[in-house]
Amino acid sequence: MTTDTLRWFTSSYSSNGGQCVEVATNTAASTGTVAVRDSKNPTGPALSVPADAFAAFVEGVKRGEFHTA
C-alpha cells in the first residue's frame, strides 16, 4: 500500500468535450496499477488497472486497433 497522492491528468488530445477520462500513473511503480476515473465525476469511483494492461491498451490506441463508428 502506498501513501502517495494520485496526480490525475487528462490527455493533451482531449478537446474538453466532457467525454474524457483521467489517469494517474505516478504510483504505477509502487503499486503496479494505473488509476482511471471519469473526468466529469472526480469525487466518484476510480478503477485500478494493472499497469501492463494499461500500457498495452495505450499501445493499441496508438496503433489504431480500436475503430469508432
PDB file of N, CA and C in Angstrom:
ATOM      1  N   MET A   1       0.857  -1.181   0.000  1.00  0.00           N
ATOM      2  CA  MET A   1       0.000   0.000   0.000  1.00  0.00           C
ATOM      3  C   MET A   1       0.892   1.229   0.000  1.00  0.00           C
ATOM      4  N   THR A   2       0.531   2.198  -0.813  1.00  0.00           N
ATOM      5  CA  THR A   2       1.314   3.424  -0.882  1.00  0.00           C
ATOM      6  C   THR A   2       0.520   4.586  -0.312  1.00  0.00           C
ATOM      7  N   THR A   3       1.224   5.565   0.189  1.00  0.00           N
ATOM      8  CA  THR A   3       0.556   6.764   0.691  1.00  0.00           C
ATOM      9  C   THR A   3       0.729   7.929  -0.277  1.00  0.00           C
ATOM     10  N   ASP A   4       1.287   7.641  -1.460  1.00  0.00           N
ATOM     11  CA  ASP A   4       1.460   8.690  -2.467  1.00  0.00           C
ATOM     12  C   ASP A   4       0.106   9.229  -2.899  1.00  0.00           C
ATOM     13  N   THR A   5       0.053  10.528  -3.137  1.00  0.00           N
ATOM     14  CA  THR A   5      -1.152  11.165  -3.652  1.00  0.00           C
ATOM     15  C   THR A   5      -1.229  10.945  -5.152  1.00  0.00           C
ATOM     16  N   LEU A   6      -2.397  10.547  -5.623  1.00  0.00           N
ATOM     17  CA  LEU A   6      -2.577  10.356  -7.057  1.00  0.00           C
ATOM     18  C   LEU A   6      -2.541  11.704  -7.756  1.00  0.00           C
ATOM     19  N   ARG A   7      -1.803  11.784  -8.847  1.00  0.00           N
ATOM     20  CA  ARG A   7      -1.734  13.003  -9.659  1.00  0.00           C
ATOM     21  C   ARG A   7      -2.484  12.719 -10.960  1.00  0.00           C
ATOM     22  N   TRP A   8      -3.679  13.252 -11.046  1.00  0.00           N
ATOM     23  CA  TRP A   8      -4.570  12.995 -12.166  1.00  0.00           C
ATOM     24  C   TRP A   8      -4.242  13.895 -13.341  1.00  0.00           C
ATOM     25  N   PHE A   9      -4.385  13.347 -14.557  1.00  0.00           N
ATOM     26  CA  PHE A   9      -4.258  14.179 -15.753  1.00  0.00           C
ATOM     27  C   PHE A   9      -5.152  13.639 -16.854  1.00  0.00           C
ATOM     28  N   THR A  10      -5.492  14.535 -17.772  1.00  0.00           N
ATOM     29  CA  THR A  10      -6.291  14.204 -18.952  1.00  0.00           C
ATOM     30  C   THR A  10      -5.377  14.331 -20.156  1.00  0.00           C
ATOM     31  N   SER A  11      -5.603  13.533 -21.150  1.00  0.00           N
ATOM     32  CA  SER A  11      -4.782  13.559 -22.360  1.00  0.00           C
ATOM     33  C   SER A  11      -4.745  14.945 -22.983  1.00  0.00           C
ATOM     34  N   SER A  12      -3.611  15.294 -23.536  1.00  0.00           N
ATOM     35  CA  SER A  12      -3.499  16.576 -24.251  1.00  0.00           C
ATOM     36  C   SER A  12      -4.314  16.556 -25.538  1.00  0.00           C
ATOM     37  N   TYR A  13      -4.740  15.374 -25.984  1.00  0.00           N
ATOM     38  CA  TYR A  13      -5.588  15.256 -27.170  1.00  0.00           C
ATOM     39  C   TYR A  13      -7.059  15.476 -26.846  1.00  0.00           C
ATOM     40  N   SER A  14      -7.383  15.578 -25.568  1.00  0.00           N
ATOM     41  CA  SER A  14      -8.764  15.790 -25.155  1.00  0.00           C
ATOM     42  C   SER A  14      -9.202  17.185 -25.578  1.00  0.00           C
ATOM     43  N   SER A  15     -10.388  17.276 -26.139  1.00  0.00           N
ATOM     44  CA  SER A  15     -10.893  18.587 -26.573  1.00  0.00           C
ATOM     45  C   SER A  15     -11.791  19.214 -25.518  1.00  0.00           C
ATOM     46  N   ASN A  16     -11.777  18.659 -24.311  1.00  0.00           N
ATOM     47  CA  ASN A  16     -12.584  19.163 -23.207  1.00  0.00           C
ATOM     48  C   ASN A  16     -14.066  19.134 -23.542  1.00  0.00           C
ATOM     49  N   GLY A  17     -14.492  18.116 -24.268  1.00  0.00           N
ATOM     50  CA  GLY A  17     -15.887  17.978 -24.627  1.00  0.00           C
ATOM     51  C   GLY A  17     -16.717  17.223 -23.608  1.00  0.00           C
ATOM     52  N   GLY A  18     -16.140  16.889 -22.476  1.00  0.00           N
ATOM     53  CA  GLY A  18     -16.881  16.227 -21.425  1.00  0.00           C
ATOM     54  C   GLY A  18     -16.922  14.712 -21.536  1.00  0.00           C
ATOM     55  N   GLN A  19     -16.257  14.134 -22.510  1.00  0.00           N
ATOM     56  CA  GLN A  19     -16.250  12.683 -22.695  1.00  0.00           C
ATOM     57  C   GLN A  19     -14.868  12.121 -22.380  1.00  0.00           C
ATOM     58  N   CYS A  20     -14.275  12.555 -21.302  1.00  0.00           N
ATOM     59  CA  CYS A  20     -12.875  12.233 -21.019  1.00  0.00           C
ATOM     60  C   CYS A  20     -12.735  11.361 -19.775  1.00  0.00           C
ATOM     61  N   VAL A  21     -11.608  10.697 -19.732  1.00  0.00           N
ATOM     62  CA  VAL A  21     -11.191  10.023 -18.514  1.00  0.00           C
ATOM     63  C   VAL A  21      -9.892  10.670 -18.056  1.00  0.00           C
ATOM     64  N   GLU A  22      -9.622  10.525 -16.785  1.00  0.00           N
ATOM     65  CA  GLU A  22      -8.360  10.992 -16.220  1.00  0.00           C
ATOM     66  C   GLU A  22      -7.607   9.762 -15.732  1.00  0.00           C
ATOM     67  N   VAL A  23      -6.301   9.831 -15.805  1.00  0.00           N
ATOM     68  CA  VAL A  23      -5.471   8.741 -15.317  1.00  0.00           C
ATOM     69  C   VAL A  23      -4.440   9.279 -14.340  1.00  0.00           C
ATOM     70  N   ALA A  24      -4.028   8.419 -13.441  1.00  0.00           N
ATOM     71  CA  ALA A  24      -2.950   8.733 -12.504  1.00  0.00           C
ATOM     72  C   ALA A  24      -1.933   7.611 -12.622  1.00  0.00           C
ATOM     73  N   THR A  25      -0.792   7.929 -13.227  1.00  0.00           N
ATOM     74  CA  THR A  25       0.238   6.921 -13.452  1.00  0.00           C
ATOM     75  C   THR A  25       1.398   7.042 -12.469  1.00  0.00           C
ATOM     76  N   ASN A  26       1.375   8.055 -11.632  1.00  0.00           N
ATOM     77  CA  ASN A  26       2.528   8.317 -10.769  1.00  0.00           C
ATOM     78  C   ASN A  26       2.770   7.241  -9.715  1.00  0.00           C
ATOM     79  N   THR A  27       1.797   6.408  -9.439  1.00  0.00           N
ATOM     80  CA  THR A  27       2.012   5.351  -8.445  1.00  0.00           C
ATOM     81  C   THR A  27       2.169   3.972  -9.090  1.00  0.00           C
ATOM     82  N   ALA A  28       2.279   3.923 -10.410  1.00  0.00           N
ATOM     83  CA  ALA A  28       2.373   2.627 -11.107  1.00  0.00           C
ATOM     84  C   ALA A  28       3.576   1.809 -10.632  1.00  0.00           C
ATOM     85  N   ALA A  29       4.695   2.456 -10.416  1.00  0.00           N
ATOM     86  CA  ALA A  29       5.892   1.715  -9.993  1.00  0.00           C
ATOM     87  C   ALA A  29       5.724   1.121  -8.598  1.00  0.00           C
ATOM     88  N   SER A  30       5.068   1.841  -7.708  1.00  0.00           N
ATOM     89  CA  SER A  30       4.941   1.353  -6.336  1.00  0.00           C
ATOM     90  C   SER A  30       3.750   0.424  -6.126  1.00  0.00           C
ATOM     91  N   THR A  31       2.707   0.548  -6.965  1.00  0.00           N
ATOM     92  CA  THR A  31       1.509  -0.273  -6.767  1.00  0.00           C
ATOM     93  C   THR A  31       1.274  -1.291  -7.878  1.00  0.00           C
ATOM     94  N   GLY A  32       1.906  -1.060  -9.032  1.00  0.00           N
ATOM     95  CA  GLY A  32       1.676  -1.937 -10.173  1.00  0.00           C
ATOM     96  C   GLY A  32       0.364  -1.679 -10.882  1.00  0.00           C
ATOM     97  N   THR A  33      -0.288  -0.580 -10.534  1.00  0.00           N
ATOM     98  CA  THR A  33      -1.571  -0.239 -11.146  1.00  0.00           C
ATOM     99  C   THR A  33      -1.601   1.204 -11.612  1.00  0.00           C
ATOM    100  N   VAL A  34      -2.526   1.469 -12.546  1.00  0.00           N
ATOM    101  CA  VAL A  34      -2.819   2.819 -13.019  1.00  0.00           C
ATOM    102  C   VAL A  34      -4.264   3.103 -12.632  1.00  0.00           C
ATOM    103  N   ALA A  35      -4.500   4.240 -12.014  1.00  0.00           N
ATOM    104  CA  ALA A  35      -5.861   4.614 -11.631  1.00  0.00           C
ATOM    105  C   ALA A  35      -6.525   5.369 -12.783  1.00  0.00           C
ATOM    106  N   VAL A  36      -7.812   5.066 -13.022  1.00  0.00           N
ATOM    107  CA  VAL A  36      -8.579   5.689 -14.097  1.00  0.00           C
ATOM    108  C   VAL A  36      -9.920   6.132 -13.513  1.00  0.00           C
ATOM    109  N   ARG A  37     -10.349   7.357 -13.863  1.00  0.00           N
ATOM    110  CA  ARG A  37     -11.643   7.845 -13.385  1.00  0.00           C
ATOM    111  C   ARG A  37     -12.319   8.715 -14.440  1.00  0.00           C
ATOM    112  N   ASP A  38     -13.593   8.946 -14.264  1.00  0.00           N
ATOM    113  CA  ASP A  38     -14.396   9.804 -15.133  1.00  0.00           C
ATOM    114  C   ASP A  38     -14.089  11.260 -14.798  1.00  0.00           C
ATOM    115  N   SER A  39     -13.686  12.037 -15.793  1.00  0.00           N
ATOM    116  CA  SER A  39     -13.322  13.429 -15.531  1.00  0.00           C
ATOM    117  C   SER A  39     -14.521  14.275 -15.099  1.00  0.00           C
ATOM    118  N   LYS A  40     -15.735  13.838 -15.431  1.00  0.00           N
ATOM    119  CA  LYS A  40     -16.925  14.589 -15.032  1.00  0.00           C
ATOM    120  C   LYS A  40     -17.295  14.337 -13.570  1.00  0.00           C
ATOM    121  N   ASN A  41     -16.717  13.315 -12.977  1.00  0.00           N
ATOM    122  CA  ASN A  41     -17.051  12.946 -11.608  1.00  0.00           C
ATOM    123  C   ASN A  41     -15.776  12.646 -10.819  1.00  0.00           C
ATOM    124  N   PRO A  42     -14.961  13.685 -10.571  1.00  0.00           N
ATOM    125  CA  PRO A  42     -13.662  13.449  -9.929  1.00  0.00           C
ATOM    126  C   PRO A  42     -13.740  12.929  -8.498  1.00  0.00           C
ATOM    127  N   THR A  43     -14.881  13.058  -7.847  1.00  0.00           N
ATOM    128  CA  THR A  43     -15.006  12.516  -6.489  1.00  0.00           C
ATOM    129  C   THR A  43     -15.648  11.133  -6.494  1.00  0.00           C
ATOM    130  N   GLY A  44     -15.980  10.639  -7.679  1.00  0.00           N
ATOM    131  CA  GLY A  44     -16.589   9.321  -7.802  1.00  0.00           C
ATOM    132  C   GLY A  44     -15.548   8.224  -7.769  1.00  0.00           C
ATOM    133  N   PRO A  45     -15.965   7.027  -8.110  1.00  0.00           N
ATOM    134  CA  PRO A  45     -15.063   5.875  -8.040  1.00  0.00           C
ATOM    135  C   PRO A  45     -13.972   5.932  -9.098  1.00  0.00           C
ATOM    136  N   ALA A  46     -12.901   5.251  -8.810  1.00  0.00           N
ATOM    137  CA  ALA A  46     -11.794   5.113  -9.759  1.00  0.00           C
ATOM    138  C   ALA A  46     -11.509   3.623  -9.925  1.00  0.00           C
ATOM    139  N   LEU A  47     -11.076   3.264 -11.112  1.00  0.00           N
ATOM    140  CA  LEU A  47     -10.672   1.893 -11.391  1.00  0.00           C
ATOM    141  C   LEU A  47      -9.172   1.764 -11.221  1.00  0.00           C
ATOM    142  N   SER A  48      -8.727   0.635 -10.732  1.00  0.00           N
ATOM    143  CA  SER A  48      -7.301   0.320 -10.692  1.00  0.00           C
ATOM    144  C   SER A  48      -7.043  -0.740 -11.752  1.00  0.00           C
ATOM    145  N   VAL A  49      -6.241  -0.384 -12.731  1.00  0.00           N
ATOM    146  CA  VAL A  49      -5.947  -1.259 -13.858  1.00  0.00           C
ATOM    147  C   VAL A  49      -4.487  -1.698 -13.743  1.00  0.00           C
ATOM    148  N   PRO A  50      -4.202  -2.982 -13.950  1.00  0.00           N
ATOM    149  CA  PRO A  50      -2.793  -3.397 -13.925  1.00  0.00           C
ATOM    150  C   PRO A  50      -1.980  -2.543 -14.916  1.00  0.00           C
ATOM    151  N   ALA A  51      -0.828  -2.090 -14.493  1.00  0.00           N
ATOM    152  CA  ALA A  51      -0.018  -1.174 -15.302  1.00  0.00           C
ATOM    153  C   ALA A  51       0.337  -1.768 -16.660  1.00  0.00           C
ATOM    154  N   ASP A  52       0.641  -3.063 -16.715  1.00  0.00           N
ATOM    155  CA  ASP A  52       0.991  -3.661 -18.001  1.00  0.00           C
ATOM    156  C   ASP A  52      -0.215  -3.724 -18.940  1.00  0.00           C
ATOM    157  N   ALA A  53      -1.406  -3.949 -18.404  1.00  0.00           N
ATOM    158  CA  ALA A  53      -2.617  -3.950 -19.222  1.00  0.00           C
ATOM    159  C   ALA A  53      -2.922  -2.546 -19.741  1.00  0.00           C
ATOM    160  N   PHE A  54      -2.709  -1.538 -18.904  1.00  0.00           N
ATOM    161  CA  PHE A  54      -2.948  -0.165 -19.340  1.00  0.00           C
ATOM    162  C   PHE A  54      -1.958   0.218 -20.434  1.00  0.00           C
ATOM    163  N   ALA A  55      -0.701  -0.172 -20.278  1.00  0.00           N
ATOM    164  CA  ALA A  55       0.308   0.123 -21.301  1.00  0.00           C
ATOM    165  C   ALA A  55      -0.049  -0.557 -22.619  1.00  0.00           C
ATOM    166  N   ALA A  56      -0.537  -1.791 -22.563  1.00  0.00           N
ATOM    167  CA  ALA A  56      -0.950  -2.494 -23.773  1.00  0.00           C
ATOM    168  C   ALA A  56      -2.132  -1.797 -24.434  1.00  0.00           C
ATOM    169  N   PHE A  57      -3.075  -1.317 -23.640  1.00  0.00           N
ATOM    170  CA  PHE A  57      -4.217  -0.568 -24.170  1.00  0.00           C
ATOM    171  C   PHE A  57      -3.749   0.699 -24.885  1.00  0.00           C
ATOM    172  N   VAL A  58      -2.875   1.457 -24.258  1.00  0.00           N
ATOM    173  CA  VAL A  58      -2.369   2.698 -24.865  1.00  0.00           C
ATOM    174  C   VAL A  58      -1.653   2.393 -26.179  1.00  0.00           C
ATOM    175  N   GLU A  59      -0.849   1.349 -26.206  1.00  0.00           N
ATOM    176  CA  GLU A  59      -0.163   0.978 -27.451  1.00  0.00           C
ATOM    177  C   GLU A  59      -1.174   0.589 -28.536  1.00  0.00           C
ATOM    178  N   GLY A  60      -2.235  -0.106 -28.158  1.00  0.00           N
ATOM    179  CA  GLY A  60      -3.279  -0.458 -29.112  1.00  0.00           C
ATOM    180  C   GLY A  60      -3.971   0.764 -29.681  1.00  0.00           C
ATOM    181  N   VAL A  61      -4.199   1.754 -28.840  1.00  0.00           N
ATOM    182  CA  VAL A  61      -4.802   3.013 -29.308  1.00  0.00           C
ATOM    183  C   VAL A  61      -3.866   3.693 -30.305  1.00  0.00           C
ATOM    184  N   LYS A  62      -2.596   3.734 -29.978  1.00  0.00           N
ATOM    185  CA  LYS A  62      -1.617   4.368 -30.871  1.00  0.00           C
ATOM    186  C   LYS A  62      -1.545   3.667 -32.222  1.00  0.00           C
ATOM    187  N   ARG A  63      -1.723   2.359 -32.236  1.00  0.00           N
ATOM    188  CA  ARG A  63      -1.681   1.596 -33.484  1.00  0.00           C
ATOM    189  C   ARG A  63      -3.004   1.628 -34.236  1.00  0.00           C
ATOM    190  N   GLY A  64      -4.038   2.245 -33.658  1.00  0.00           N
ATOM    191  CA  GLY A  64      -5.330   2.335 -34.317  1.00  0.00           C
ATOM    192  C   GLY A  64      -6.148   1.056 -34.255  1.00  0.00           C
ATOM    193  N   GLU A  65      -5.928   0.249 -33.237  1.00  0.00           N
ATOM    194  CA  GLU A  65      -6.638  -1.023 -33.125  1.00  0.00           C
ATOM    195  C   GLU A  65      -8.088  -0.882 -32.703  1.00  0.00           C
ATOM    196  N   PHE A  66      -8.481   0.267 -32.211  1.00  0.00           N
ATOM    197  CA  PHE A  66      -9.838   0.470 -31.732  1.00  0.00           C
ATOM    198  C   PHE A  66     -10.534   1.466 -32.660  1.00  0.00           C
ATOM    199  N   HIS A  67     -11.378   0.946 -33.522  1.00  0.00           N
ATOM    200  CA  HIS A  67     -12.052   1.796 -34.504  1.00  0.00           C
ATOM    201  C   HIS A  67     -13.370   2.305 -33.937  1.00  0.00           C
ATOM    202  N   THR A  68     -13.733   3.516 -34.305  1.00  0.00           N
ATOM    203  CA  THR A  68     -15.025   4.067 -33.909  1.00  0.00           C
ATOM    204  C   THR A  68     -15.931   4.130 -35.111  1.00  0.00           C
ATOM    205  N   ALA A  69     -17.209   4.058 -34.855  1.00  0.00           N
ATOM    206  CA  ALA A  69     -18.183   4.072 -35.954  1.00  0.00           C
ATOM    207  C   ALA A  69     -18.315   5.439 -36.573  1.00  0.00           C
TER     208      ALA A  69
END
